PDB file of all heavy atoms in Angstrom:
ATOM      1  N   TYR A   1       0.850  -1.195  -0.011  1.00  0.00           N
ATOM      2  CA  TYR A   1      -0.018   0.002  -0.028  1.00  0.00           C
ATOM      3  C   TYR A   1       0.866   1.250  -0.021  1.00  0.00           C
ATOM      4  O   TYR A   1       1.999   1.250   0.520  1.00  0.00           O
ATOM      5  CB  TYR A   1      -0.910   0.027   1.231  1.00  0.00           C
ATOM      6  CG  TYR A   1      -2.153  -0.775   1.043  1.00  0.00           C
ATOM      7  CD1 TYR A   1      -2.219  -2.115   1.437  1.00  0.00           C
ATOM      8  CD2 TYR A   1      -3.330  -0.239   0.519  1.00  0.00           C
ATOM      9  CE1 TYR A   1      -3.378  -2.863   1.315  1.00  0.00           C
ATOM     10  CE2 TYR A   1      -4.487  -0.966   0.391  1.00  0.00           C
ATOM     11  CZ  TYR A   1      -4.514  -2.263   0.763  1.00  0.00           C
ATOM     12  OH  TYR A   1      -5.664  -3.030   0.613  1.00  0.00           O
ATOM     13  N   PHE A   2       0.357   2.318  -0.569  1.00  0.00           N
ATOM     14  CA  PHE A   2       0.990   3.632  -0.590  1.00  0.00           C
ATOM     15  C   PHE A   2       0.171   4.588   0.216  1.00  0.00           C
ATOM     16  O   PHE A   2      -1.022   4.777  -0.079  1.00  0.00           O
ATOM     17  CB  PHE A   2       1.194   4.096  -2.031  1.00  0.00           C
ATOM     18  CG  PHE A   2       2.064   5.322  -2.155  1.00  0.00           C
ATOM     19  CD1 PHE A   2       3.381   5.308  -1.790  1.00  0.00           C
ATOM     20  CD2 PHE A   2       1.502   6.509  -2.608  1.00  0.00           C
ATOM     21  CE1 PHE A   2       4.180   6.431  -1.913  1.00  0.00           C
ATOM     22  CE2 PHE A   2       2.305   7.639  -2.746  1.00  0.00           C
ATOM     23  CZ  PHE A   2       3.627   7.618  -2.384  1.00  0.00           C
ATOM     24  N   VAL A   3       0.794   5.227   1.225  1.00  0.00           N
ATOM     25  CA  VAL A   3       0.072   6.145   2.118  1.00  0.00           C
ATOM     26  C   VAL A   3       0.731   7.473   2.000  1.00  0.00           C
ATOM     27  O   VAL A   3       1.951   7.636   2.191  1.00  0.00           O
ATOM     28  CB  VAL A   3       0.097   5.637   3.586  1.00  0.00           C
ATOM     29  CG1 VAL A   3      -0.707   6.589   4.475  1.00  0.00           C
ATOM     30  CG2 VAL A   3      -0.464   4.226   3.688  1.00  0.00           C
ATOM     31  N   THR A   4      -0.047   8.519   1.717  1.00  0.00           N
ATOM     32  CA  THR A   4       0.529   9.906   1.544  1.00  0.00           C
ATOM     33  C   THR A   4       0.340  10.637   2.868  1.00  0.00           C
ATOM     34  O   THR A   4      -0.389  10.216   3.759  1.00  0.00           O
ATOM     35  CB  THR A   4      -0.239  10.619   0.458  1.00  0.00           C
ATOM     36  OG1 THR A   4      -1.630  10.807   0.840  1.00  0.00           O
ATOM     37  CG2 THR A   4      -0.195   9.838  -0.867  1.00  0.00           C
ATOM     38  N   PRO A   5       1.066  11.753   2.992  1.00  0.00           N
ATOM     39  CA  PRO A   5       0.943  12.582   4.250  1.00  0.00           C
ATOM     40  C   PRO A   5      -0.455  12.985   4.559  1.00  0.00           C
ATOM     41  O   PRO A   5      -0.801  13.215   5.729  1.00  0.00           O
ATOM     42  CB  PRO A   5       1.876  13.774   3.914  1.00  0.00           C
ATOM     43  CG  PRO A   5       2.844  13.251   2.953  1.00  0.00           C
ATOM     44  CD  PRO A   5       2.079  12.298   2.086  1.00  0.00           C
ATOM     45  N   SER A   6      -1.306  13.144   3.559  1.00  0.00           N
ATOM     46  CA  SER A   6      -2.705  13.577   3.789  1.00  0.00           C
ATOM     47  C   SER A   6      -3.557  12.407   4.270  1.00  0.00           C
ATOM     48  O   SER A   6      -4.724  12.588   4.563  1.00  0.00           O
ATOM     49  CB  SER A   6      -3.324  14.165   2.562  1.00  0.00           C
ATOM     50  OG  SER A   6      -3.427  13.162   1.531  1.00  0.00           O
ATOM     51  N   GLY A   7      -3.003  11.199   4.284  1.00  0.00           N
ATOM     52  CA  GLY A   7      -3.763  10.027   4.771  1.00  0.00           C
ATOM     53  C   GLY A   7      -4.420   9.222   3.663  1.00  0.00           C
ATOM     54  O   GLY A   7      -5.116   8.241   3.932  1.00  0.00           O
ATOM     55  N   LYS A   8      -4.152   9.591   2.414  1.00  0.00           N
ATOM     56  CA  LYS A   8      -4.745   8.852   1.278  1.00  0.00           C
ATOM     57  C   LYS A   8      -4.043   7.452   1.173  1.00  0.00           C
ATOM     58  O   LYS A   8      -2.825   7.352   1.160  1.00  0.00           O
ATOM     59  CB  LYS A   8      -4.521   9.610   0.009  1.00  0.00           C
ATOM     60  CG  LYS A   8      -5.016   8.882  -1.240  1.00  0.00           C
ATOM     61  CD  LYS A   8      -4.849   9.827  -2.437  1.00  0.00           C
ATOM     62  CE  LYS A   8      -5.057   9.154  -3.785  1.00  0.00           C
ATOM     63  NZ  LYS A   8      -5.980   8.125  -3.836  1.00  0.00           N
ATOM     64  N   VAL A   9      -4.860   6.374   1.154  1.00  0.00           N
ATOM     65  CA  VAL A   9      -4.342   5.020   1.077  1.00  0.00           C
ATOM     66  C   VAL A   9      -4.658   4.419  -0.245  1.00  0.00           C
ATOM     67  O   VAL A   9      -5.846   4.333  -0.628  1.00  0.00           O
ATOM     68  CB  VAL A   9      -4.994   4.149   2.203  1.00  0.00           C
ATOM     69  CG1 VAL A   9      -4.468   2.711   2.152  1.00  0.00           C
ATOM     70  CG2 VAL A   9      -4.690   4.751   3.595  1.00  0.00           C
ATOM     71  N   THR A  10      -3.656   3.969  -0.979  1.00  0.00           N
ATOM     72  CA  THR A  10      -3.800   3.411  -2.315  1.00  0.00           C
ATOM     73  C   THR A  10      -3.162   2.017  -2.353  1.00  0.00           C
ATOM     74  O   THR A  10      -2.022   1.849  -1.947  1.00  0.00           O
ATOM     75  CB  THR A  10      -3.131   4.304  -3.365  1.00  0.00           C
ATOM     76  OG1 THR A  10      -3.686   5.617  -3.285  1.00  0.00           O
ATOM     77  CG2 THR A  10      -3.365   3.723  -4.773  1.00  0.00           C
ATOM     78  N   SER A  11      -3.901   1.051  -2.861  1.00  0.00           N
ATOM     79  CA  SER A  11      -3.353  -0.280  -3.095  1.00  0.00           C
ATOM     80  C   SER A  11      -2.309  -0.208  -4.245  1.00  0.00           C
ATOM     81  O   SER A  11      -2.647   0.329  -5.320  1.00  0.00           O
ATOM     82  CB  SER A  11      -4.472  -1.261  -3.437  1.00  0.00           C
ATOM     83  OG  SER A  11      -3.934  -2.536  -3.778  1.00  0.00           O
ATOM     84  N   TYR A  12      -1.157  -0.755  -4.012  1.00  0.00           N
ATOM     85  CA  TYR A  12      -0.113  -0.755  -5.092  1.00  0.00           C
ATOM     86  C   TYR A  12      -0.346  -1.939  -6.012  1.00  0.00           C
ATOM     87  O   TYR A  12      -0.313  -3.093  -5.565  1.00  0.00           O
ATOM     88  CB  TYR A  12       1.279  -0.889  -4.454  1.00  0.00           C
ATOM     89  CG  TYR A  12       2.402  -0.927  -5.460  1.00  0.00           C
ATOM     90  CD1 TYR A  12       2.983   0.248  -5.959  1.00  0.00           C
ATOM     91  CD2 TYR A  12       2.865  -2.129  -5.976  1.00  0.00           C
ATOM     92  CE1 TYR A  12       3.965   0.228  -6.917  1.00  0.00           C
ATOM     93  CE2 TYR A  12       3.867  -2.176  -6.932  1.00  0.00           C
ATOM     94  CZ  TYR A  12       4.391  -1.000  -7.401  1.00  0.00           C
ATOM     95  OH  TYR A  12       5.412  -1.048  -8.372  1.00  0.00           O
ATOM     96  N   ASP A  13      -0.568  -1.628  -7.303  1.00  0.00           N
ATOM     97  CA  ASP A  13      -0.808  -2.697  -8.240  1.00  0.00           C
ATOM     98  C   ASP A  13       0.050  -2.473  -9.494  1.00  0.00           C
ATOM     99  O   ASP A  13      -0.261  -3.023 -10.570  1.00  0.00           O
ATOM    100  CB  ASP A  13      -2.304  -2.762  -8.644  1.00  0.00           C
ATOM    101  CG  ASP A  13      -2.792  -1.473  -9.327  1.00  0.00           C
ATOM    102  OD1 ASP A  13      -2.015  -0.502  -9.391  1.00  0.00           O
ATOM    103  OD2 ASP A  13      -3.943  -1.498  -9.820  1.00  0.00           O
ATOM    104  N   ALA A  14       1.161  -1.765  -9.381  1.00  0.00           N
ATOM    105  CA  ALA A  14       2.061  -1.602 -10.497  1.00  0.00           C
ATOM    106  C   ALA A  14       3.040  -2.769 -10.597  1.00  0.00           C
ATOM    107  O   ALA A  14       2.901  -3.789  -9.922  1.00  0.00           O
ATOM    108  CB  ALA A  14       2.782  -0.242 -10.384  1.00  0.00           C
ATOM    109  N   GLY A  15       4.053  -2.590 -11.432  1.00  0.00           N
ATOM    110  CA  GLY A  15       4.997  -3.668 -11.634  1.00  0.00           C
ATOM    111  C   GLY A  15       5.851  -4.003 -10.420  1.00  0.00           C
ATOM    112  O   GLY A  15       5.896  -3.220  -9.440  1.00  0.00           O
ATOM    113  N   ARG A  16       6.569  -5.100 -10.460  1.00  0.00           N
ATOM    114  CA  ARG A  16       7.369  -5.556  -9.314  1.00  0.00           C
ATOM    115  C   ARG A  16       8.839  -5.355  -9.507  1.00  0.00           C
ATOM    116  O   ARG A  16       9.604  -6.036  -8.799  1.00  0.00           O
ATOM    117  CB  ARG A  16       7.025  -7.000  -9.056  1.00  0.00           C
ATOM    118  CG  ARG A  16       5.576  -7.292  -8.645  1.00  0.00           C
ATOM    119  CD  ARG A  16       5.236  -6.727  -7.247  1.00  0.00           C
ATOM    120  NE  ARG A  16       3.862  -6.990  -6.890  1.00  0.00           N
ATOM    121  CZ  ARG A  16       3.449  -8.051  -6.203  1.00  0.00           C
ATOM    122  NH1 ARG A  16       4.297  -8.961  -5.847  1.00  0.00           N
ATOM    123  NH2 ARG A  16       2.185  -8.132  -5.871  1.00  0.00           N
ATOM    124  N   SER A  17       9.282  -4.463 -10.377  1.00  0.00           N
ATOM    125  CA  SER A  17      10.725  -4.176 -10.491  1.00  0.00           C
ATOM    126  C   SER A  17      10.975  -2.962  -9.690  1.00  0.00           C
ATOM    127  O   SER A  17      10.149  -2.174  -9.356  1.00  0.00           O
ATOM    128  CB  SER A  17      11.119  -3.921 -11.968  1.00  0.00           C
ATOM    129  OG  SER A  17      10.588  -2.708 -12.450  1.00  0.00           O
ATOM    130  N   ALA A  18      12.296  -2.738  -9.365  1.00  0.00           N
ATOM    131  CA  ALA A  18      12.679  -1.558  -8.593  1.00  0.00           C
ATOM    132  C   ALA A  18      12.319  -0.307  -9.333  1.00  0.00           C
ATOM    133  O   ALA A  18      11.831   0.683  -8.701  1.00  0.00           O
ATOM    134  CB  ALA A  18      14.183  -1.618  -8.286  1.00  0.00           C
ATOM    135  N   ASN A  19      12.516  -0.244 -10.615  1.00  0.00           N
ATOM    136  CA  ASN A  19      12.191   0.898 -11.417  1.00  0.00           C
ATOM    137  C   ASN A  19      10.671   1.181 -11.396  1.00  0.00           C
ATOM    138  O   ASN A  19      10.232   2.380 -11.317  1.00  0.00           O
ATOM    139  CB  ASN A  19      12.633   0.777 -12.881  1.00  0.00           C
ATOM    140  CG  ASN A  19      14.146   0.870 -13.031  1.00  0.00           C
ATOM    141  OD1 ASN A  19      14.817   1.485 -12.155  1.00  0.00           O
ATOM    142  ND2 ASN A  19      14.691   0.314 -14.075  1.00  0.00           N
ATOM    143  N   ASP A  20       9.877   0.121 -11.442  1.00  0.00           N
ATOM    144  CA  ASP A  20       8.387   0.269 -11.420  1.00  0.00           C
ATOM    145  C   ASP A  20       7.995   0.947 -10.084  1.00  0.00           C
ATOM    146  O   ASP A  20       7.148   1.825 -10.040  1.00  0.00           O
ATOM    147  CB  ASP A  20       7.686  -1.070 -11.533  1.00  0.00           C
ATOM    148  CG  ASP A  20       7.808  -1.654 -12.905  1.00  0.00           C
ATOM    149  OD1 ASP A  20       7.901  -0.861 -13.888  1.00  0.00           O
ATOM    150  OD2 ASP A  20       7.841  -2.879 -13.049  1.00  0.00           O
ATOM    151  N   ILE A  21       8.597   0.451  -8.977  1.00  0.00           N
ATOM    152  CA  ILE A  21       8.266   0.935  -7.685  1.00  0.00           C
ATOM    153  C   ILE A  21       8.682   2.424  -7.524  1.00  0.00           C
ATOM    154  O   ILE A  21       7.917   3.278  -7.069  1.00  0.00           O
ATOM    155  CB  ILE A  21       8.908   0.070  -6.578  1.00  0.00           C
ATOM    156  CG1 ILE A  21       8.283  -1.332  -6.605  1.00  0.00           C
ATOM    157  CG2 ILE A  21       8.790   0.725  -5.191  1.00  0.00           C
ATOM    158  CD1 ILE A  21       9.021  -2.330  -5.769  1.00  0.00           C
ATOM    159  N   VAL A  22       9.844   2.715  -7.974  1.00  0.00           N
ATOM    160  CA  VAL A  22      10.373   4.116  -7.912  1.00  0.00           C
ATOM    161  C   VAL A  22       9.496   5.060  -8.742  1.00  0.00           C
ATOM    162  O   VAL A  22       9.116   6.141  -8.290  1.00  0.00           O
ATOM    163  CB  VAL A  22      11.818   4.193  -8.347  1.00  0.00           C
ATOM    164  CG1 VAL A  22      12.263   5.643  -8.517  1.00  0.00           C
ATOM    165  CG2 VAL A  22      12.724   3.459  -7.360  1.00  0.00           C
ATOM    166  N   ASP A  23       9.161   4.618  -9.925  1.00  0.00           N
ATOM    167  CA  ASP A  23       8.308   5.438 -10.811  1.00  0.00           C
ATOM    168  C   ASP A  23       6.942   5.688 -10.205  1.00  0.00           C
ATOM    169  O   ASP A  23       6.376   6.791 -10.285  1.00  0.00           O
ATOM    170  CB  ASP A  23       8.152   4.799 -12.180  1.00  0.00           C
ATOM    171  CG  ASP A  23       9.465   4.803 -13.005  1.00  0.00           C
ATOM    172  OD1 ASP A  23      10.334   5.601 -12.632  1.00  0.00           O
ATOM    173  OD2 ASP A  23       9.535   4.042 -13.979  1.00  0.00           O
ATOM    174  N   PHE A  24       6.350   4.618  -9.593  1.00  0.00           N
ATOM    175  CA  PHE A  24       5.054   4.792  -8.951  1.00  0.00           C
ATOM    176  C   PHE A  24       5.102   5.801  -7.863  1.00  0.00           C
ATOM    177  O   PHE A  24       4.234   6.639  -7.710  1.00  0.00           O
ATOM    178  CB  PHE A  24       4.577   3.392  -8.435  1.00  0.00           C
ATOM    179  CG  PHE A  24       3.296   3.472  -7.697  1.00  0.00           C
ATOM    180  CD1 PHE A  24       2.096   3.244  -8.361  1.00  0.00           C
ATOM    181  CD2 PHE A  24       3.225   3.690  -6.306  1.00  0.00           C
ATOM    182  CE1 PHE A  24       0.868   3.268  -7.677  1.00  0.00           C
ATOM    183  CE2 PHE A  24       2.010   3.752  -5.642  1.00  0.00           C
ATOM    184  CZ  PHE A  24       0.817   3.541  -6.350  1.00  0.00           C
ATOM    185  N   ILE A  25       6.123   5.715  -7.008  1.00  0.00           N
ATOM    186  CA  ILE A  25       6.233   6.625  -5.848  1.00  0.00           C
ATOM    187  C   ILE A  25       6.411   8.052  -6.359  1.00  0.00           C
ATOM    188  O   ILE A  25       5.742   8.985  -5.851  1.00  0.00           O
ATOM    189  CB  ILE A  25       7.395   6.209  -4.952  1.00  0.00           C
ATOM    190  CG1 ILE A  25       7.092   4.886  -4.254  1.00  0.00           C
ATOM    191  CG2 ILE A  25       7.700   7.275  -3.892  1.00  0.00           C
ATOM    192  CD1 ILE A  25       8.180   4.256  -3.476  1.00  0.00           C
ATOM    193  N   LYS A  26       7.242   8.277  -7.342  1.00  0.00           N
ATOM    194  CA  LYS A  26       7.481   9.615  -7.867  1.00  0.00           C
ATOM    195  C   LYS A  26       6.205  10.214  -8.456  1.00  0.00           C
ATOM    196  O   LYS A  26       5.948  11.406  -8.321  1.00  0.00           O
ATOM    197  CB  LYS A  26       8.619   9.589  -8.864  1.00  0.00           C
ATOM    198  CG  LYS A  26      10.025   9.409  -8.306  1.00  0.00           C
ATOM    199  CD  LYS A  26      11.069   9.444  -9.360  1.00  0.00           C
ATOM    200  CE  LYS A  26      12.463   9.311  -8.800  1.00  0.00           C
ATOM    201  NZ  LYS A  26      13.520   9.285  -9.825  1.00  0.00           N
TER     202      LYS A  26
END
């Protein structure tokens, strides 16, 4: 899950590579 400072909770469903994770967070 990805949780933002405002409290928004999002299920992570992107790719499972390091680049996918970094891109999703950015």
